[in-house]
Amino acid sequence: MLLQSTIMGPLFWMLLGIIQLAFFVGLRLFFKDKGLQLSWFRWSLVAGWWLTTNITVAAAFTLIGENESRAGTYFLAFFGIGLLIGGAALWTFIKKPIKPVNK
């Protein structure tokens, strides 16, 4: 297997980490261009959604790789639809301006 070789396995995981980093840097620049200020709470929601998306895709393709194609497809469809709906709800929550707290 390609990913089980001595060199290609670590290179794959380093490339995946670089892609994750580029996603969050690009997301930060996208929010800055849109004029959105995100608090730590909103960033944690975005990071949680992204982590859940990665886990769902990894679990579905692991099932497919273990010759459980039907289960992997159902898993990806069921949780993927939920993640799409959750992502749309998260986007509408992020677009709302943060109201200052009066002290």
Protein backbone atom coordinates (compact mmCIF):
# COMPACT_ATOMS: atom_id res chain seq x y z
CA MET A 1 0.00 0.00 0.00
CA LEU A 2 1.10 3.53 -0.71
CA LEU A 3 0.30 5.01 2.69
CA GLN A 4 1.91 2.14 4.58
CA SER A 5 5.35 2.84 3.14
CA THR A 6 8.03 4.39 5.30
CA ILE A 7 8.16 7.71 3.47
CA MET A 8 4.66 8.24 2.06
CA GLY A 9 2.73 7.78 5.32
CA PRO A 10 4.33 10.69 7.20
CA LEU A 11 4.29 12.85 4.06
CA PHE A 12 0.56 12.25 3.67
CA TRP A 13 -0.16 13.28 7.26
CA MET A 14 2.05 16.36 6.99
CA LEU A 15 0.24 17.37 3.80
CA LEU A 16 -3.09 16.86 5.53
CA GLY A 17 -1.95 19.10 8.39
CA ILE A 18 -0.85 21.79 5.94
CA ILE A 19 -4.27 21.64 4.29
CA GLN A 20 -5.98 22.03 7.68
CA LEU A 21 -3.79 25.04 8.51
CA ALA A 22 -4.46 26.61 5.11
CA PHE A 23 -8.20 26.14 5.66
CA PHE A 24 -8.20 28.09 8.93
CA VAL A 25 -5.87 30.82 7.65
CA GLY A 26 -8.08 31.23 4.58
CA LEU A 27 -11.18 31.20 6.75
CA ARG A 28 -9.74 33.95 8.95
CA LEU A 29 -8.98 36.07 5.86
CA PHE A 30 -12.45 35.36 4.45
CA PHE A 31 -14.10 36.55 7.66
CA LYS A 32 -11.86 39.62 7.70
CA ASP A 33 -12.82 40.48 4.09
CA LYS A 34 -16.51 40.08 4.95
CA GLY A 35 -16.04 42.38 7.95
CA LEU A 36 -17.07 39.75 10.50
CA GLN A 37 -15.59 39.82 13.98
CA LEU A 38 -15.55 36.38 15.55
CA SER A 39 -15.31 35.85 19.28
CA TRP A 40 -13.56 32.86 20.80
CA PHE A 41 -16.94 31.16 21.17
CA ARG A 42 -17.76 31.47 17.49
CA TRP A 43 -14.29 30.27 16.51
CA SER A 44 -14.74 27.24 18.76
CA LEU A 45 -18.06 26.48 17.06
CA VAL A 46 -16.41 26.69 13.63
CA ALA A 47 -13.53 24.48 14.78
CA GLY A 48 -15.98 21.98 16.27
CA TRP A 49 -17.98 21.85 13.05
CA TRP A 50 -14.81 21.33 11.02
CA LEU A 51 -13.59 18.59 13.38
CA THR A 52 -16.97 16.83 13.20
CA THR A 53 -16.90 17.06 9.40
CA ASN A 54 -13.41 15.53 9.28
CA ILE A 55 -14.36 12.71 11.63
CA THR A 56 -17.51 11.95 9.63
CA VAL A 57 -15.65 11.78 6.32
CA ALA A 58 -12.84 9.70 7.83
CA ALA A 59 -15.27 7.24 9.44
CA ALA A 60 -17.33 6.87 6.26
CA PHE A 61 -14.31 6.20 4.07
CA THR A 62 -12.89 3.83 6.66
CA LEU A 63 -16.10 1.84 6.42
CA ILE A 64 -15.89 1.91 2.64
CA GLY A 65 -12.27 0.76 2.81
CA GLU A 66 -13.25 -2.15 5.05
CA ASN A 67 -15.64 -3.41 2.33
CA GLU A 68 -18.69 -2.00 4.10
CA SER A 69 -19.63 0.29 1.23
CA ARG A 70 -23.32 0.40 1.99
CA ALA A 71 -22.77 1.31 5.65
CA GLY A 72 -20.18 3.95 4.70
CA THR A 73 -22.49 5.50 2.14
CA TYR A 74 -25.42 5.61 4.58
CA PHE A 75 -23.16 6.99 7.30
CA LEU A 76 -21.86 9.75 5.04
CA ALA A 77 -25.33 10.59 3.71
CA PHE A 78 -27.01 10.67 7.14
CA PHE A 79 -24.37 12.64 8.99
CA GLY A 80 -23.40 14.67 5.91
CA ILE A 81 -26.91 16.06 5.58
CA GLY A 82 -26.89 16.91 9.28
CA LEU A 83 -23.53 18.64 8.91
CA LEU A 84 -24.75 20.65 5.92
CA ILE A 85 -27.79 21.81 7.88
CA GLY A 86 -25.62 22.54 10.91
CA GLY A 87 -23.14 24.44 8.75
CA ALA A 88 -25.92 26.61 7.31
CA ALA A 89 -27.22 27.32 10.81
CA LEU A 90 -23.68 28.12 11.97
CA TRP A 91 -23.21 30.52 9.05
CA THR A 92 -26.39 32.44 9.91
CA PHE A 93 -25.26 32.58 13.56
CA ILE A 94 -21.82 33.87 12.56
CA LYS A 95 -23.28 36.58 10.29
CA LYS A 96 -25.23 38.12 13.18
CA PRO A 97 -23.32 41.03 14.70
CA ILE A 98 -21.99 40.71 18.22
CA LYS A 99 -23.90 43.01 20.55
CA PRO A 100 -21.81 44.84 23.14
CA VAL A 101 -22.57 44.09 26.76
CA ASN A 102 -23.63 47.12 28.80
CA LYS A 103 -21.96 47.26 32.18
